[in-house]
């Protein structure tokens, strides 16, 4: 049986304090330190997922100043959301470029028509 560190009297293991002197029978449980805490392992990213073909095509069309980049970008985003493929960032960049080129082309056509009319 354990004994009290203060008065050396035998203690019952269930006691938290010595009944003779009132000293704490057991030391309080230490708080968990960061070294004691073991986080769950982070799963490695699965880089073997294929890249969406429409996302690649859309970004190429966006670089070539084609408004079709927006259409192919939207189709790529829809496919990526259902299939889980990679390529969401290039698809959104292609959508933005496609709309920029669409606005630029519209402005150029309107300017051409109004100046040559």
N, C-alpha and C. Protein backbone atom coordinates (compact mmCIF):
# COMPACT_ATOMS: atom_id res chain seq x y z
N UNK A 1 0.83 -1.18 0.00
CA UNK A 1 0.00 0.00 0.00
C UNK A 1 0.88 1.25 0.00
N UNK A 2 0.37 2.29 -0.63
CA UNK A 2 1.15 3.53 -0.62
C UNK A 2 1.09 4.20 0.74
N UNK A 3 2.09 5.01 0.99
CA UNK A 3 2.13 5.74 2.27
C UNK A 3 2.11 7.23 1.99
N UNK A 4 1.71 7.98 2.98
CA UNK A 4 1.65 9.44 2.87
C UNK A 4 3.07 9.99 2.90
N UNK A 5 3.36 10.91 2.03
CA UNK A 5 4.69 11.52 1.98
C UNK A 5 4.89 12.48 3.14
N UNK A 6 3.82 12.93 3.77
CA UNK A 6 3.91 13.91 4.85
C UNK A 6 4.02 13.24 6.23
N UNK A 7 3.14 12.24 6.50
CA UNK A 7 3.14 11.63 7.84
C UNK A 7 3.47 10.15 7.83
N UNK A 8 3.71 9.55 6.70
CA UNK A 8 4.10 8.15 6.53
C UNK A 8 3.03 7.17 6.93
N UNK A 9 1.80 7.58 6.99
CA UNK A 9 0.70 6.68 7.32
C UNK A 9 0.27 5.95 6.05
N UNK A 10 -0.18 4.68 6.18
CA UNK A 10 -0.64 3.93 5.03
C UNK A 10 -1.93 4.51 4.50
N UNK A 11 -2.00 4.55 3.17
CA UNK A 11 -3.16 5.13 2.51
C UNK A 11 -3.86 4.09 1.65
N UNK A 12 -5.15 4.23 1.55
CA UNK A 12 -5.92 3.41 0.62
C UNK A 12 -5.70 3.97 -0.79
N UNK A 13 -5.51 3.12 -1.81
CA UNK A 13 -5.25 3.64 -3.15
C UNK A 13 -6.37 4.52 -3.71
N UNK A 14 -7.59 4.38 -3.19
CA UNK A 14 -8.70 5.18 -3.68
C UNK A 14 -8.72 6.58 -3.08
N UNK A 15 -7.97 6.83 -2.01
CA UNK A 15 -7.98 8.12 -1.34
C UNK A 15 -7.17 9.14 -2.14
N UNK A 16 -7.68 10.35 -2.15
CA UNK A 16 -6.96 11.45 -2.79
C UNK A 16 -6.17 12.25 -1.77
N UNK A 17 -6.62 12.19 -0.49
CA UNK A 17 -5.95 12.93 0.59
C UNK A 17 -5.72 11.99 1.76
N UNK A 18 -4.70 12.26 2.52
CA UNK A 18 -4.42 11.50 3.74
C UNK A 18 -5.45 11.88 4.80
N UNK A 19 -6.05 10.88 5.45
CA UNK A 19 -7.07 11.20 6.46
C UNK A 19 -6.44 11.66 7.77
N UNK A 20 -5.17 11.45 7.96
CA UNK A 20 -4.50 11.85 9.20
C UNK A 20 -4.02 13.30 9.13
N UNK A 21 -3.36 13.66 8.03
CA UNK A 21 -2.77 15.01 7.98
C UNK A 21 -3.39 15.91 6.91
N UNK A 22 -4.16 15.34 6.00
CA UNK A 22 -4.81 16.15 4.97
C UNK A 22 -3.94 16.46 3.76
N UNK A 23 -2.74 15.87 3.72
CA UNK A 23 -1.87 16.10 2.57
C UNK A 23 -2.41 15.34 1.36
N UNK A 24 -2.12 15.86 0.20
CA UNK A 24 -2.56 15.22 -1.03
C UNK A 24 -1.85 13.87 -1.15
N UNK A 25 -2.65 12.81 -1.38
CA UNK A 25 -2.10 11.46 -1.42
C UNK A 25 -1.42 11.17 -2.76
N UNK A 26 -1.99 11.66 -3.82
CA UNK A 26 -1.40 11.41 -5.14
C UNK A 26 -1.15 12.75 -5.81
N UNK A 27 -0.14 12.76 -6.61
CA UNK A 27 0.15 13.98 -7.36
C UNK A 27 -0.90 14.15 -8.45
N UNK A 28 -1.28 15.38 -8.72
CA UNK A 28 -2.26 15.57 -9.78
C UNK A 28 -1.68 15.13 -11.12
N UNK A 29 -2.55 14.65 -11.96
CA UNK A 29 -2.10 14.19 -13.28
C UNK A 29 -1.53 15.37 -14.06
N UNK A 30 -0.37 15.20 -14.63
CA UNK A 30 0.22 16.32 -15.37
C UNK A 30 -0.61 16.65 -16.62
N UNK A 31 -0.60 17.91 -16.94
CA UNK A 31 -1.32 18.33 -18.14
C UNK A 31 -0.59 17.82 -19.36
N UNK A 32 -1.34 17.59 -20.41
CA UNK A 32 -0.73 17.10 -21.65
C UNK A 32 0.11 18.20 -22.27
N UNK A 33 1.33 17.88 -22.57
CA UNK A 33 2.21 18.83 -23.23
C UNK A 33 2.17 18.57 -24.73
N UNK A 34 2.60 19.54 -25.52
CA UNK A 34 2.56 19.32 -26.97
C UNK A 34 3.33 18.09 -27.42
N UNK A 35 4.36 17.70 -26.66
CA UNK A 35 5.11 16.50 -27.05
C UNK A 35 4.28 15.24 -26.82
N UNK A 36 3.36 15.29 -25.83
CA UNK A 36 2.53 14.12 -25.55
C UNK A 36 1.39 13.98 -26.53
N UNK A 37 0.99 15.06 -27.14
CA UNK A 37 -0.14 15.03 -28.06
C UNK A 37 0.35 14.54 -29.41
N UNK A 38 -0.23 13.48 -29.89
CA UNK A 38 0.17 12.93 -31.18
C UNK A 38 -0.98 13.14 -32.17
N UNK A 39 -0.80 14.06 -33.11
CA UNK A 39 -1.88 14.27 -34.08
C UNK A 39 -2.00 13.08 -35.01
N UNK A 40 -3.17 12.96 -35.61
CA UNK A 40 -3.36 11.89 -36.57
C UNK A 40 -2.47 12.17 -37.78
N UNK A 41 -1.93 11.16 -38.37
CA UNK A 41 -1.06 11.40 -39.53
C UNK A 41 -1.85 12.01 -40.68
N UNK A 42 -1.22 12.96 -41.34
CA UNK A 42 -1.86 13.62 -42.47
C UNK A 42 -1.71 12.72 -43.68
N UNK A 43 -2.80 12.40 -44.35
CA UNK A 43 -2.66 11.53 -45.52
C UNK A 43 -1.93 12.25 -46.64
N UNK A 44 -1.12 11.52 -47.34
CA UNK A 44 -0.39 12.09 -48.47
C UNK A 44 -1.38 12.44 -49.58
N UNK A 45 -1.18 13.59 -50.22
CA UNK A 45 -2.09 13.93 -51.31
C UNK A 45 -1.92 12.95 -52.47
N UNK A 46 -3.02 12.60 -53.04
CA UNK A 46 -2.98 11.64 -54.14
C UNK A 46 -2.73 12.40 -55.43
N UNK A 47 -1.47 12.47 -55.83
CA UNK A 47 -1.10 13.20 -57.04
C UNK A 47 -1.29 12.36 -58.29
N UNK A 48 -1.81 11.18 -58.16
CA UNK A 48 -2.00 10.32 -59.32
C UNK A 48 -3.33 10.56 -60.00
N UNK A 49 -4.12 11.49 -59.46
CA UNK A 49 -5.38 11.81 -60.11
C UNK A 49 -5.07 12.48 -61.44
N UNK A 50 -5.79 12.15 -62.48
CA UNK A 50 -5.50 12.76 -63.78
C UNK A 50 -5.95 14.22 -63.83
N UNK A 51 -5.33 14.96 -64.72
CA UNK A 51 -5.70 16.35 -64.94
C UNK A 51 -6.82 16.37 -65.98
N UNK A 52 -7.82 17.19 -65.75
CA UNK A 52 -8.94 17.28 -66.66
C UNK A 52 -8.48 17.85 -68.00
N UNK A 53 -8.81 17.17 -69.07
CA UNK A 53 -8.37 17.56 -70.41
C UNK A 53 -9.01 18.87 -70.82
N UNK A 54 -10.28 19.07 -70.49
CA UNK A 54 -10.94 20.32 -70.86
C UNK A 54 -10.34 21.52 -70.14
N UNK A 55 -9.84 21.33 -68.94
CA UNK A 55 -9.18 22.43 -68.22
C UNK A 55 -7.90 22.84 -68.93
N UNK A 56 -7.15 21.86 -69.40
CA UNK A 56 -5.92 22.16 -70.14
C UNK A 56 -6.26 22.84 -71.46
N UNK A 57 -7.26 22.34 -72.16
CA UNK A 57 -7.67 22.95 -73.42
C UNK A 57 -8.18 24.36 -73.20
N UNK A 58 -8.92 24.56 -72.13
CA UNK A 58 -9.46 25.89 -71.83
C UNK A 58 -8.36 26.90 -71.54
N UNK A 59 -7.34 26.50 -70.80
CA UNK A 59 -6.26 27.44 -70.49
C UNK A 59 -5.44 27.74 -71.74
N UNK A 60 -5.30 26.77 -72.63
CA UNK A 60 -4.61 27.03 -73.90
C UNK A 60 -5.41 28.01 -74.75
N UNK A 61 -6.72 27.82 -74.81
CA UNK A 61 -7.57 28.75 -75.56
C UNK A 61 -7.55 30.15 -74.94
N UNK A 62 -7.47 30.22 -73.62
CA UNK A 62 -7.38 31.51 -72.95
C UNK A 62 -6.08 32.22 -73.30
N UNK A 63 -5.00 31.46 -73.41
CA UNK A 63 -3.71 32.05 -73.79
C UNK A 63 -3.70 32.49 -75.24
N UNK A 64 -4.51 31.85 -76.07
CA UNK A 64 -4.59 32.21 -77.49
C UNK A 64 -5.64 33.28 -77.77
N UNK A 65 -6.15 33.92 -76.75
CA UNK A 65 -7.12 35.01 -76.86
C UNK A 65 -8.42 34.56 -77.50
N UNK A 66 -8.93 33.44 -77.09
CA UNK A 66 -10.20 32.94 -77.63
C UNK A 66 -11.28 33.02 -76.57
N UNK A 67 -12.45 33.59 -76.92
CA UNK A 67 -13.55 33.62 -75.97
C UNK A 67 -14.11 32.23 -75.65
N UNK A 68 -13.77 31.24 -76.46
CA UNK A 68 -14.22 29.87 -76.18
C UNK A 68 -13.61 29.31 -74.90
N UNK A 69 -12.58 29.97 -74.37
CA UNK A 69 -11.97 29.53 -73.12
C UNK A 69 -12.98 29.54 -71.98
N UNK A 70 -13.90 30.50 -71.99
CA UNK A 70 -14.93 30.55 -70.94
C UNK A 70 -15.85 29.34 -71.01
N UNK A 71 -16.26 28.97 -72.21
CA UNK A 71 -17.13 27.82 -72.38
C UNK A 71 -16.44 26.54 -71.93
N UNK A 72 -15.23 26.30 -72.42
CA UNK A 72 -14.51 25.10 -72.04
C UNK A 72 -14.14 25.10 -70.56
N UNK A 73 -13.88 26.28 -70.00
CA UNK A 73 -13.60 26.37 -68.56
C UNK A 73 -14.79 25.97 -67.72
N UNK A 74 -15.99 26.44 -68.11
CA UNK A 74 -17.20 26.06 -67.37
C UNK A 74 -17.46 24.56 -67.49
N UNK A 75 -17.26 24.00 -68.66
CA UNK A 75 -17.43 22.56 -68.82
C UNK A 75 -16.42 21.78 -67.97
N UNK A 76 -15.20 22.29 -67.91
CA UNK A 76 -14.16 21.63 -67.10
C UNK A 76 -14.50 21.67 -65.62
N UNK A 77 -15.00 22.81 -65.14
CA UNK A 77 -15.37 22.91 -63.72
C UNK A 77 -16.48 21.92 -63.39
N UNK A 78 -17.45 21.79 -64.28
CA UNK A 78 -18.54 20.84 -64.05
C UNK A 78 -18.01 19.40 -64.01
N UNK A 79 -17.11 19.07 -64.92
CA UNK A 79 -16.54 17.71 -64.93
C UNK A 79 -15.68 17.45 -63.70
N UNK A 80 -14.89 18.44 -63.30
CA UNK A 80 -14.00 18.27 -62.15
C UNK A 80 -14.81 18.07 -60.87
N UNK A 81 -15.92 18.79 -60.74
CA UNK A 81 -16.71 18.66 -59.51
C UNK A 81 -17.35 17.28 -59.39
N UNK A 82 -17.59 16.61 -60.50
CA UNK A 82 -18.19 15.27 -60.42
C UNK A 82 -17.15 14.16 -60.42
N UNK A 83 -16.03 14.37 -61.11
CA UNK A 83 -15.06 13.28 -61.25
C UNK A 83 -13.93 13.35 -60.23
N UNK A 84 -13.66 14.52 -59.65
CA UNK A 84 -12.58 14.66 -58.68
C UNK A 84 -11.21 14.78 -59.32
N UNK A 85 -11.16 15.10 -60.59
CA UNK A 85 -9.87 15.27 -61.26
C UNK A 85 -9.21 16.56 -60.81
N UNK A 86 -7.94 16.71 -61.17
CA UNK A 86 -7.23 17.95 -60.88
C UNK A 86 -7.48 18.94 -62.00
N UNK A 87 -7.17 20.23 -61.74
CA UNK A 87 -7.27 21.24 -62.78
C UNK A 87 -8.31 22.31 -62.53
N UNK A 88 -8.77 22.44 -61.30
CA UNK A 88 -9.80 23.45 -61.01
C UNK A 88 -9.28 24.87 -61.17
N UNK A 89 -8.03 25.12 -60.77
CA UNK A 89 -7.47 26.47 -60.86
C UNK A 89 -7.28 26.89 -62.32
N UNK A 90 -6.67 26.05 -63.17
CA UNK A 90 -6.58 26.45 -64.58
C UNK A 90 -7.95 26.65 -65.24
N UNK A 91 -8.93 25.87 -64.82
CA UNK A 91 -10.28 26.03 -65.39
C UNK A 91 -10.84 27.40 -65.03
N UNK A 92 -10.70 27.83 -63.78
CA UNK A 92 -11.22 29.14 -63.39
C UNK A 92 -10.43 30.28 -64.03
N UNK A 93 -9.13 30.09 -64.19
CA UNK A 93 -8.34 31.11 -64.88
C UNK A 93 -8.78 31.21 -66.33
N UNK A 94 -9.05 30.08 -66.95
CA UNK A 94 -9.52 30.08 -68.34
C UNK A 94 -10.88 30.76 -68.46
N UNK A 95 -11.74 30.56 -67.48
CA UNK A 95 -13.05 31.23 -67.50
C UNK A 95 -12.86 32.74 -67.47
N UNK A 96 -12.01 33.22 -66.58
CA UNK A 96 -11.76 34.67 -66.49
C UNK A 96 -11.16 35.20 -67.78
N UNK A 97 -10.17 34.49 -68.32
CA UNK A 97 -9.56 34.94 -69.58
C UNK A 97 -10.57 34.92 -70.72
N UNK A 98 -11.41 33.90 -70.75
CA UNK A 98 -12.42 33.80 -71.81
C UNK A 98 -13.38 34.99 -71.79
N UNK A 99 -13.82 35.38 -70.59
CA UNK A 99 -14.72 36.54 -70.51
C UNK A 99 -14.00 37.85 -70.84
N UNK A 100 -12.72 37.95 -70.45
CA UNK A 100 -11.95 39.15 -70.81
C UNK A 100 -11.84 39.25 -72.32
N UNK A 101 -11.50 38.13 -72.97
CA UNK A 101 -11.38 38.16 -74.43
C UNK A 101 -12.73 38.40 -75.09
N UNK A 102 -13.81 37.89 -74.53
CA UNK A 102 -15.14 38.12 -75.08
C UNK A 102 -15.50 39.60 -75.03
N UNK A 103 -15.23 40.25 -73.90
CA UNK A 103 -15.51 41.68 -73.78
C UNK A 103 -14.63 42.47 -74.74
N UNK A 104 -13.35 42.11 -74.82
CA UNK A 104 -12.44 42.83 -75.73
C UNK A 104 -12.87 42.67 -77.17
N UNK A 105 -13.25 41.49 -77.56
CA UNK A 105 -13.70 41.25 -78.93
C UNK A 105 -14.99 42.00 -79.22
N UNK A 106 -15.90 42.02 -78.26
CA UNK A 106 -17.16 42.76 -78.44
C UNK A 106 -16.89 44.25 -78.61
N UNK A 107 -16.00 44.80 -77.79
CA UNK A 107 -15.66 46.22 -77.91
C UNK A 107 -15.03 46.51 -79.27
N UNK A 108 -14.13 45.65 -79.73
CA UNK A 108 -13.49 45.84 -81.03
C UNK A 108 -14.49 45.76 -82.18
N UNK A 109 -15.43 44.83 -82.13
CA UNK A 109 -16.43 44.71 -83.19
C UNK A 109 -17.35 45.92 -83.19
N UNK A 110 -17.78 46.37 -82.03
CA UNK A 110 -18.64 47.55 -81.96
C UNK A 110 -17.90 48.77 -82.44
N UNK A 111 -16.64 48.92 -82.08
CA UNK A 111 -15.84 50.07 -82.54
C UNK A 111 -15.65 50.02 -84.04
N UNK A 112 -15.42 48.84 -84.60
CA UNK A 112 -15.24 48.71 -86.03
C UNK A 112 -16.52 49.03 -86.78
N UNK A 113 -17.64 48.54 -86.31
CA UNK A 113 -18.93 48.76 -86.98
C UNK A 113 -19.32 50.23 -86.91
N UNK A 114 -19.11 50.88 -85.78
CA UNK A 114 -19.53 52.27 -85.67
C UNK A 114 -18.61 53.22 -86.42
N UNK A 115 -17.35 52.92 -86.55
CA UNK A 115 -16.46 53.81 -87.27
C UNK A 115 -16.53 53.64 -88.78
N UNK A 116 -16.95 52.49 -89.27
CA UNK A 116 -17.02 52.24 -90.70
C UNK A 116 -18.45 52.32 -91.23
N UNK A 117 -19.38 52.77 -90.45
CA UNK A 117 -20.76 52.82 -90.89
C UNK A 117 -21.08 54.04 -91.68
